[in-house]
Amino acid sequence: MNVPFRVDNCSIERTLDIVGEKWTFLVLREAFSGVRRFADMQAVTGAPRQVLSARLARLVEEGLLRKEPYREPGQRQRDEYRLTEKGRDLYPLLVALMHWGDRYLADDEGPPVLLTHRDCGAPIELHFRCEDGHEVTGPRDVTPLPGAGARIRSA
């Protein structure tokens, strides 16, 4: 991506400030798989308690997850963590990371998880298209232009 300009308010940088760390992606992976409770999240990710607590708090603060109280009989009230629309919008990013890992890092036997369409069973594929419906096959098909909110960095 040869950008003939640089911006001070880069959307990639801002996104990575929120999600750009291993434990955050693993928390999101589990949230997309339906894991909602702290103890379950810790068990499946192996995240240290303090790290998981900090990641969940940050994801709630940034609006990617929301807390929903629950109480098991005879227990104190606790919170479940549920994806918000903002959080669900990250799903294609996680799928893209998974597909990249499947292509370049999977064991010889193949990918450990296959994502399929619930209705027909076909494997999920990601595609980029422009607004007019043309397939975009890679960065050579893209021209970066300053957006309406661009704050151009001075040289």
C-alpha atoms as a PDB file:
ATOM      1  CA  MET A   1       0.000   0.000   0.000  1.00  0.00           C
ATOM      2  CA  ASN A   2       2.023   2.938  -1.287  1.00  0.00           C
ATOM      3  CA  VAL A   3       0.350   5.920   0.341  1.00  0.00           C
ATOM      4  CA  PRO A   4       1.530   9.246  -1.112  1.00  0.00           C
ATOM      5  CA  PHE A   5       0.552  10.962   2.154  1.00  0.00           C
ATOM      6  CA  ARG A   6       0.518  10.146   5.877  1.00  0.00           C
ATOM      7  CA  VAL A   7      -2.185  10.982   8.392  1.00  0.00           C
ATOM      8  CA  ASP A   8      -1.933  11.743  12.088  1.00  0.00           C
ATOM      9  CA  ASN A   9      -5.227   9.966  12.769  1.00  0.00           C
ATOM     10  CA  CYS A  10      -4.593   6.536  11.183  1.00  0.00           C
ATOM     11  CA  SER A  11      -7.531   4.138  11.647  1.00  0.00           C
ATOM     12  CA  ILE A  12      -5.238   1.077  11.664  1.00  0.00           C
ATOM     13  CA  GLU A  13      -3.115   2.550  14.459  1.00  0.00           C
ATOM     14  CA  ARG A  14      -6.199   3.498  16.469  1.00  0.00           C
ATOM     15  CA  THR A  15      -7.686   0.018  16.042  1.00  0.00           C
ATOM     16  CA  LEU A  16      -4.455  -1.662  17.109  1.00  0.00           C
ATOM     17  CA  ASP A  17      -4.388   0.538  20.212  1.00  0.00           C
ATOM     18  CA  ILE A  18      -7.552  -1.301  21.263  1.00  0.00           C
ATOM     19  CA  VAL A  19      -7.232  -4.843  19.885  1.00  0.00           C
ATOM     20  CA  GLY A  20      -3.589  -5.220  18.897  1.00  0.00           C
ATOM     21  CA  GLU A  21      -2.499  -7.788  21.451  1.00  0.00           C
ATOM     22  CA  LYS A  22      -2.698 -11.567  21.720  1.00  0.00           C
ATOM     23  CA  TRP A  23      -4.972 -11.879  24.749  1.00  0.00           C
ATOM     24  CA  THR A  24      -7.472  -9.404  23.331  1.00  0.00           C
ATOM     25  CA  PHE A  25      -7.817 -11.453  20.153  1.00  0.00           C
ATOM     26  CA  LEU A  26      -8.188 -14.665  22.151  1.00  0.00           C
ATOM     27  CA  VAL A  27     -10.919 -13.073  24.284  1.00  0.00           C
ATOM     28  CA  LEU A  28     -12.710 -11.952  21.118  1.00  0.00           C
ATOM     29  CA  ARG A  29     -12.296 -15.408  19.561  1.00  0.00           C
ATOM     30  CA  GLU A  30     -14.015 -16.957  22.553  1.00  0.00           C
ATOM     31  CA  ALA A  31     -16.731 -14.294  22.660  1.00  0.00           C
ATOM     32  CA  PHE A  32     -17.522 -15.108  19.017  1.00  0.00           C
ATOM     33  CA  SER A  33     -17.699 -18.783  20.024  1.00  0.00           C
ATOM     34  CA  GLY A  34     -20.296 -17.981  22.678  1.00  0.00           C
ATOM     35  CA  VAL A  35     -18.104 -17.969  25.786  1.00  0.00           C
ATOM     36  CA  ARG A  36     -19.478 -15.273  28.085  1.00  0.00           C
ATOM     37  CA  ARG A  37     -18.308 -15.922  31.631  1.00  0.00           C
ATOM     38  CA  PHE A  38     -14.966 -14.967  33.154  1.00  0.00           C
ATOM     39  CA  ALA A  39     -14.101 -18.437  34.516  1.00  0.00           C
ATOM     40  CA  ASP A  40     -14.959 -20.104  31.202  1.00  0.00           C
ATOM     41  CA  MET A  41     -12.968 -17.492  29.280  1.00  0.00           C
ATOM     42  CA  GLN A  42      -9.972 -18.032  31.546  1.00  0.00           C
ATOM     43  CA  ALA A  43     -10.189 -21.813  31.218  1.00  0.00           C
ATOM     44  CA  VAL A  44     -10.246 -21.835  27.412  1.00  0.00           C
ATOM     45  CA  THR A  45      -7.712 -19.052  26.804  1.00  0.00           C
ATOM     46  CA  GLY A  46      -5.303 -19.832  29.647  1.00  0.00           C
ATOM     47  CA  ALA A  47      -5.009 -16.092  30.280  1.00  0.00           C
ATOM     48  CA  PRO A  48      -3.705 -15.066  33.703  1.00  0.00           C
ATOM     49  CA  ARG A  49      -6.543 -13.705  35.857  1.00  0.00           C
ATOM     50  CA  GLN A  50      -5.197 -10.130  35.987  1.00  0.00           C
ATOM     51  CA  VAL A  51      -4.527 -10.044  32.254  1.00  0.00           C
ATOM     52  CA  LEU A  52      -7.995 -11.356  31.411  1.00  0.00           C
ATOM     53  CA  SER A  53      -9.624  -8.915  33.813  1.00  0.00           C
ATOM     54  CA  ALA A  54      -7.737  -5.996  32.233  1.00  0.00           C
ATOM     55  CA  ARG A  55      -8.580  -7.104  28.669  1.00  0.00           C
ATOM     56  CA  LEU A  56     -12.275  -7.541  29.446  1.00  0.00           C
ATOM     57  CA  ALA A  57     -12.403  -4.147  31.181  1.00  0.00           C
ATOM     58  CA  ARG A  58     -10.761  -2.489  28.169  1.00  0.00           C
ATOM     59  CA  LEU A  59     -13.109  -4.168  25.701  1.00  0.00           C
ATOM     60  CA  VAL A  60     -16.088  -3.026  27.778  1.00  0.00           C
ATOM     61  CA  GLU A  61     -14.647   0.496  28.065  1.00  0.00           C
ATOM     62  CA  GLU A  62     -14.164   0.670  24.287  1.00  0.00           C
ATOM     63  CA  GLY A  63     -17.682  -0.617  23.628  1.00  0.00           C
ATOM     64  CA  LEU A  64     -16.766  -3.952  22.019  1.00  0.00           C
ATOM     65  CA  LEU A  65     -18.264  -5.966  24.880  1.00  0.00           C
ATOM     66  CA  ARG A  66     -21.021  -5.165  27.340  1.00  0.00           C
ATOM     67  CA  LYS A  67     -21.539  -6.579  30.803  1.00  0.00           C
ATOM     68  CA  GLU A  68     -24.749  -8.355  31.628  1.00  0.00           C
ATOM     69  CA  PRO A  69     -25.317  -9.375  35.259  1.00  0.00           C
ATOM     70  CA  TYR A  70     -26.317 -12.927  36.150  1.00  0.00           C
ATOM     71  CA  ARG A  71     -26.635 -14.892  39.370  1.00  0.00           C
ATOM     72  CA  GLU A  72     -26.389 -18.631  39.883  1.00  0.00           C
ATOM     73  CA  PRO A  73     -28.605 -19.921  42.738  1.00  0.00           C
ATOM     74  CA  GLY A  74     -26.803 -19.404  46.046  1.00  0.00           C
ATOM     75  CA  GLN A  75     -23.988 -17.380  44.444  1.00  0.00           C
ATOM     76  CA  ARG A  76     -23.178 -13.679  44.288  1.00  0.00           C
ATOM     77  CA  GLN A  77     -24.036 -11.643  41.227  1.00  0.00           C
ATOM     78  CA  ARG A  78     -21.451 -11.793  38.437  1.00  0.00           C
ATOM     79  CA  ASP A  79     -21.183 -10.427  34.925  1.00  0.00           C
ATOM     80  CA  GLU A  80     -21.320 -12.100  31.547  1.00  0.00           C
ATOM     81  CA  TYR A  81     -19.567 -10.428  28.635  1.00  0.00           C
ATOM     82  CA  ARG A  82     -21.489 -10.107  25.394  1.00  0.00           C
ATOM     83  CA  LEU A  83     -20.402  -8.718  22.052  1.00  0.00           C
ATOM     84  CA  THR A  84     -21.845  -5.396  20.989  1.00  0.00           C
ATOM     85  CA  GLU A  85     -22.414  -4.403  17.368  1.00  0.00           C
ATOM     86  CA  LYS A  86     -19.004  -2.693  17.457  1.00  0.00           C
ATOM     87  CA  GLY A  87     -17.450  -5.935  18.676  1.00  0.00           C
ATOM     88  CA  ARG A  88     -19.316  -8.115  16.156  1.00  0.00           C
ATOM     89  CA  ASP A  89     -17.992  -5.867  13.377  1.00  0.00           C
ATOM     90  CA  LEU A  90     -14.525  -7.308  14.118  1.00  0.00           C
ATOM     91  CA  TYR A  91     -15.592 -10.807  13.038  1.00  0.00           C
ATOM     92  CA  PRO A  92     -14.257 -10.510   9.458  1.00  0.00           C
ATOM     93  CA  LEU A  93     -10.900  -9.400  10.894  1.00  0.00           C
ATOM     94  CA  LEU A  94     -10.668 -12.478  13.129  1.00  0.00           C
ATOM     95  CA  VAL A  95     -11.688 -14.735  10.242  1.00  0.00           C
ATOM     96  CA  ALA A  96      -9.024 -13.111   8.031  1.00  0.00           C
ATOM     97  CA  LEU A  97      -6.379 -13.725  10.732  1.00  0.00           C
ATOM     98  CA  MET A  98      -7.530 -17.320  11.064  1.00  0.00           C
ATOM     99  CA  HIS A  99      -7.399 -17.912   7.299  1.00  0.00           C
ATOM    100  CA  TRP A 100      -3.911 -16.385   7.139  1.00  0.00           C
ATOM    101  CA  GLY A 101      -2.792 -18.669   9.978  1.00  0.00           C
ATOM    102  CA  ASP A 102      -4.409 -21.668   8.267  1.00  0.00           C
ATOM    103  CA  ARG A 103      -2.527 -20.879   5.071  1.00  0.00           C
ATOM    104  CA  TYR A 104       0.904 -20.200   6.543  1.00  0.00           C
ATOM    105  CA  LEU A 105       1.046 -21.756  10.016  1.00  0.00           C
ATOM    106  CA  ALA A 106      -1.249 -24.805  10.084  1.00  0.00           C
ATOM    107  CA  ASP A 107       0.115 -28.268  10.747  1.00  0.00           C
ATOM    108  CA  ASP A 108       0.678 -30.601   7.778  1.00  0.00           C
ATOM    109  CA  GLU A 109      -2.717 -32.219   8.428  1.00  0.00           C
ATOM    110  CA  GLY A 110      -4.468 -28.917   7.751  1.00  0.00           C
ATOM    111  CA  PRO A 111      -6.334 -26.219   9.671  1.00  0.00           C
ATOM    112  CA  PRO A 112      -7.525 -27.004  13.198  1.00  0.00           C
ATOM    113  CA  VAL A 113     -10.957 -25.370  12.712  1.00  0.00           C
ATOM    114  CA  LEU A 114     -13.162 -24.999   9.645  1.00  0.00           C
ATOM    115  CA  LEU A 115     -15.800 -22.281   9.491  1.00  0.00           C
ATOM    116  CA  THR A 116     -18.852 -23.258   7.471  1.00  0.00           C
ATOM    117  CA  HIS A 117     -22.110 -21.552   6.558  1.00  0.00           C
ATOM    118  CA  ARG A 118     -24.794 -22.732   8.950  1.00  0.00           C
ATOM    119  CA  ASP A 119     -27.482 -23.020   6.251  1.00  0.00           C
ATOM    120  CA  CYS A 120     -25.625 -24.898   3.506  1.00  0.00           C
ATOM    121  CA  GLY A 121     -22.421 -26.202   5.134  1.00  0.00           C
ATOM    122  CA  ALA A 122     -20.052 -24.623   2.595  1.00  0.00           C
ATOM    123  CA  PRO A 123     -16.737 -23.251   3.911  1.00  0.00           C
ATOM    124  CA  ILE A 124     -16.642 -19.515   4.663  1.00  0.00           C
ATOM    125  CA  GLU A 125     -14.564 -17.355   2.306  1.00  0.00           C
ATOM    126  CA  LEU A 126     -13.655 -13.683   2.625  1.00  0.00           C
ATOM    127  CA  HIS A 127     -13.803 -11.442  -0.422  1.00  0.00           C
ATOM    128  CA  PHE A 128     -13.099  -7.753  -0.953  1.00  0.00           C
ATOM    129  CA  ARG A 129     -15.283  -5.807  -3.340  1.00  0.00           C
ATOM    130  CA  CYS A 130     -15.545  -2.161  -4.221  1.00  0.00           C
ATOM    131  CA  GLU A 131     -18.832  -0.331  -3.779  1.00  0.00           C
ATOM    132  CA  ASP A 132     -19.695  -1.095  -7.419  1.00  0.00           C
ATOM    133  CA  GLY A 133     -19.229  -4.848  -6.874  1.00  0.00           C
ATOM    134  CA  HIS A 134     -15.826  -5.414  -8.521  1.00  0.00           C
ATOM    135  CA  GLU A 135     -13.622  -7.985  -6.797  1.00  0.00           C
ATOM    136  CA  VAL A 136     -10.440  -6.551  -5.267  1.00  0.00           C
ATOM    137  CA  THR A 137      -7.708  -9.191  -5.345  1.00  0.00           C
ATOM    138  CA  GLY A 138      -4.962  -7.333  -3.494  1.00  0.00           C
ATOM    139  CA  PRO A 139      -3.246  -4.058  -2.701  1.00  0.00           C
ATOM    140  CA  ARG A 140      -2.384  -3.389  -6.358  1.00  0.00           C
ATOM    141  CA  ASP A 141      -6.115  -3.014  -7.013  1.00  0.00           C
ATOM    142  CA  VAL A 142      -6.459  -0.222  -4.442  1.00  0.00           C
ATOM    143  CA  THR A 143      -5.690   3.507  -4.587  1.00  0.00           C
ATOM    144  CA  PRO A 144      -5.475   5.227  -1.171  1.00  0.00           C
ATOM    145  CA  LEU A 145      -6.935   8.728  -1.169  1.00  0.00           C
ATOM    146  CA  PRO A 146      -7.269  11.176   1.717  1.00  0.00           C
ATOM    147  CA  GLY A 147     -10.632  10.719   3.435  1.00  0.00           C
ATOM    148  CA  ALA A 148     -12.889  13.499   4.641  1.00  0.00           C
ATOM    149  CA  GLY A 149     -11.419  13.234   8.141  1.00  0.00           C
ATOM    150  CA  ALA A 150      -7.746  13.010   7.121  1.00  0.00           C
ATOM    151  CA  ARG A 151      -5.326  15.089   9.127  1.00  0.00           C
ATOM    152  CA  ILE A 152      -2.346  15.135   6.793  1.00  0.00           C
ATOM    153  CA  ARG A 153       0.975  14.821   8.587  1.00  0.00           C
ATOM    154  CA  SER A 154       3.404  17.591   7.747  1.00  0.00           C
ATOM    155  CA  ALA A 155       6.776  16.483   6.448  1.00  0.00           C
END
